[in-house]
Protein backbone atom coordinates (compact mmCIF):
# COMPACT_ATOMS: atom_id res chain seq x y z
CA UNK A 1 -20.67 -6.85 -27.20
CA UNK A 2 -23.58 -8.31 -29.10
CA UNK A 3 -24.51 -6.39 -32.21
CA UNK A 4 -28.15 -5.97 -33.20
CA UNK A 5 -27.30 -5.89 -36.90
CA UNK A 6 -25.32 -8.41 -38.83
CA UNK A 7 -23.26 -7.28 -41.80
CA UNK A 8 -25.11 -9.61 -44.13
CA UNK A 9 -28.51 -8.31 -42.98
CA UNK A 10 -29.18 -4.64 -43.75
CA UNK A 11 -32.44 -4.62 -41.75
CA UNK A 12 -32.29 -3.84 -38.02
CA UNK A 13 -32.88 -6.73 -35.64
CA UNK A 14 -35.31 -4.54 -33.71
CA UNK A 15 -37.76 -2.08 -35.15
CA UNK A 16 -37.22 1.57 -34.35
CA UNK A 17 -40.08 2.78 -32.16
CA UNK A 18 -42.31 5.50 -33.51
CA UNK A 19 -42.01 8.46 -31.17
CA UNK A 20 -45.21 10.41 -30.55
CA UNK A 21 -45.00 14.12 -31.20
CA UNK A 22 -45.42 16.18 -28.04
CA UNK A 23 -48.78 17.89 -28.52
CA UNK A 24 -47.84 21.38 -27.35
CA UNK A 25 -50.99 22.70 -28.97
CA UNK A 26 -53.03 20.51 -26.59
CA UNK A 27 -51.31 21.94 -23.51
CA UNK A 28 -53.10 25.01 -22.21
CA UNK A 29 -50.21 26.36 -20.12
CA UNK A 30 -47.42 27.91 -22.23
CA UNK A 31 -44.82 27.29 -19.50
CA UNK A 32 -45.65 23.56 -19.41
CA UNK A 33 -45.71 23.43 -23.24
CA UNK A 34 -42.20 24.91 -23.33
CA UNK A 35 -40.93 22.33 -20.83
CA UNK A 36 -42.52 19.42 -22.71
CA UNK A 37 -41.01 20.68 -25.99
CA UNK A 38 -37.66 19.34 -24.74
CA UNK A 39 -38.95 15.86 -25.59
CA UNK A 40 -38.63 16.59 -29.32
CA UNK A 41 -34.88 16.03 -29.19
CA UNK A 42 -35.04 12.68 -27.38
CA UNK A 43 -35.44 10.39 -30.43
CA UNK A 44 -32.15 11.62 -31.88
CA UNK A 45 -30.18 11.25 -28.64
CA UNK A 46 -28.21 8.22 -27.54
CA UNK A 47 -30.14 6.15 -25.01
CA UNK A 48 -27.54 6.90 -22.35
CA UNK A 49 -28.63 10.56 -22.39
CA UNK A 50 -32.36 9.90 -21.99
CA UNK A 51 -32.25 9.58 -18.20
CA UNK A 52 -30.78 13.07 -17.77
CA UNK A 53 -33.40 14.61 -20.09
CA UNK A 54 -36.27 12.86 -18.30
CA UNK A 55 -34.87 13.84 -14.91
CA UNK A 56 -34.60 17.50 -15.93
CA UNK A 57 -38.08 17.36 -17.45
CA UNK A 58 -39.50 15.87 -14.26
CA UNK A 59 -37.86 18.51 -12.06
CA UNK A 60 -39.00 21.37 -14.29
CA UNK A 61 -42.58 20.08 -14.42
CA UNK A 62 -42.64 19.52 -10.68
CA UNK A 63 -41.42 23.07 -10.05
CA UNK A 64 -43.90 24.59 -12.52
CA UNK A 65 -46.85 22.58 -11.23
CA UNK A 66 -46.06 23.35 -7.59
CA UNK A 67 -45.96 27.12 -8.10
CA UNK A 68 -48.68 29.05 -6.34
CA UNK A 69 -51.59 29.90 -8.58
CA UNK A 70 -51.88 33.61 -9.42
CA UNK A 71 -55.28 33.94 -7.69
CA UNK A 72 -54.09 32.16 -4.53
CA UNK A 73 -57.03 29.74 -4.66
CA UNK A 74 -55.06 26.78 -5.99
CA UNK A 75 -56.40 27.26 -9.49
CA UNK A 76 -54.86 29.07 -12.41
């Protein structure tokens, strides 16, 4: 396996990306904000686990966004 870091070089071969903070305060729907909050743990997870988190996030958002609106008119 190819290593990104060499023992003689303490600096990473690739820069660590800066992860944006999920802006829950900018999301008007508290249910959607709670779902999106799951993204906060992604930067600390191994890359192999990201797919499962994104898949669960997608499914939860799809379910929440496809719920019938309370007034029945398609608008919340």
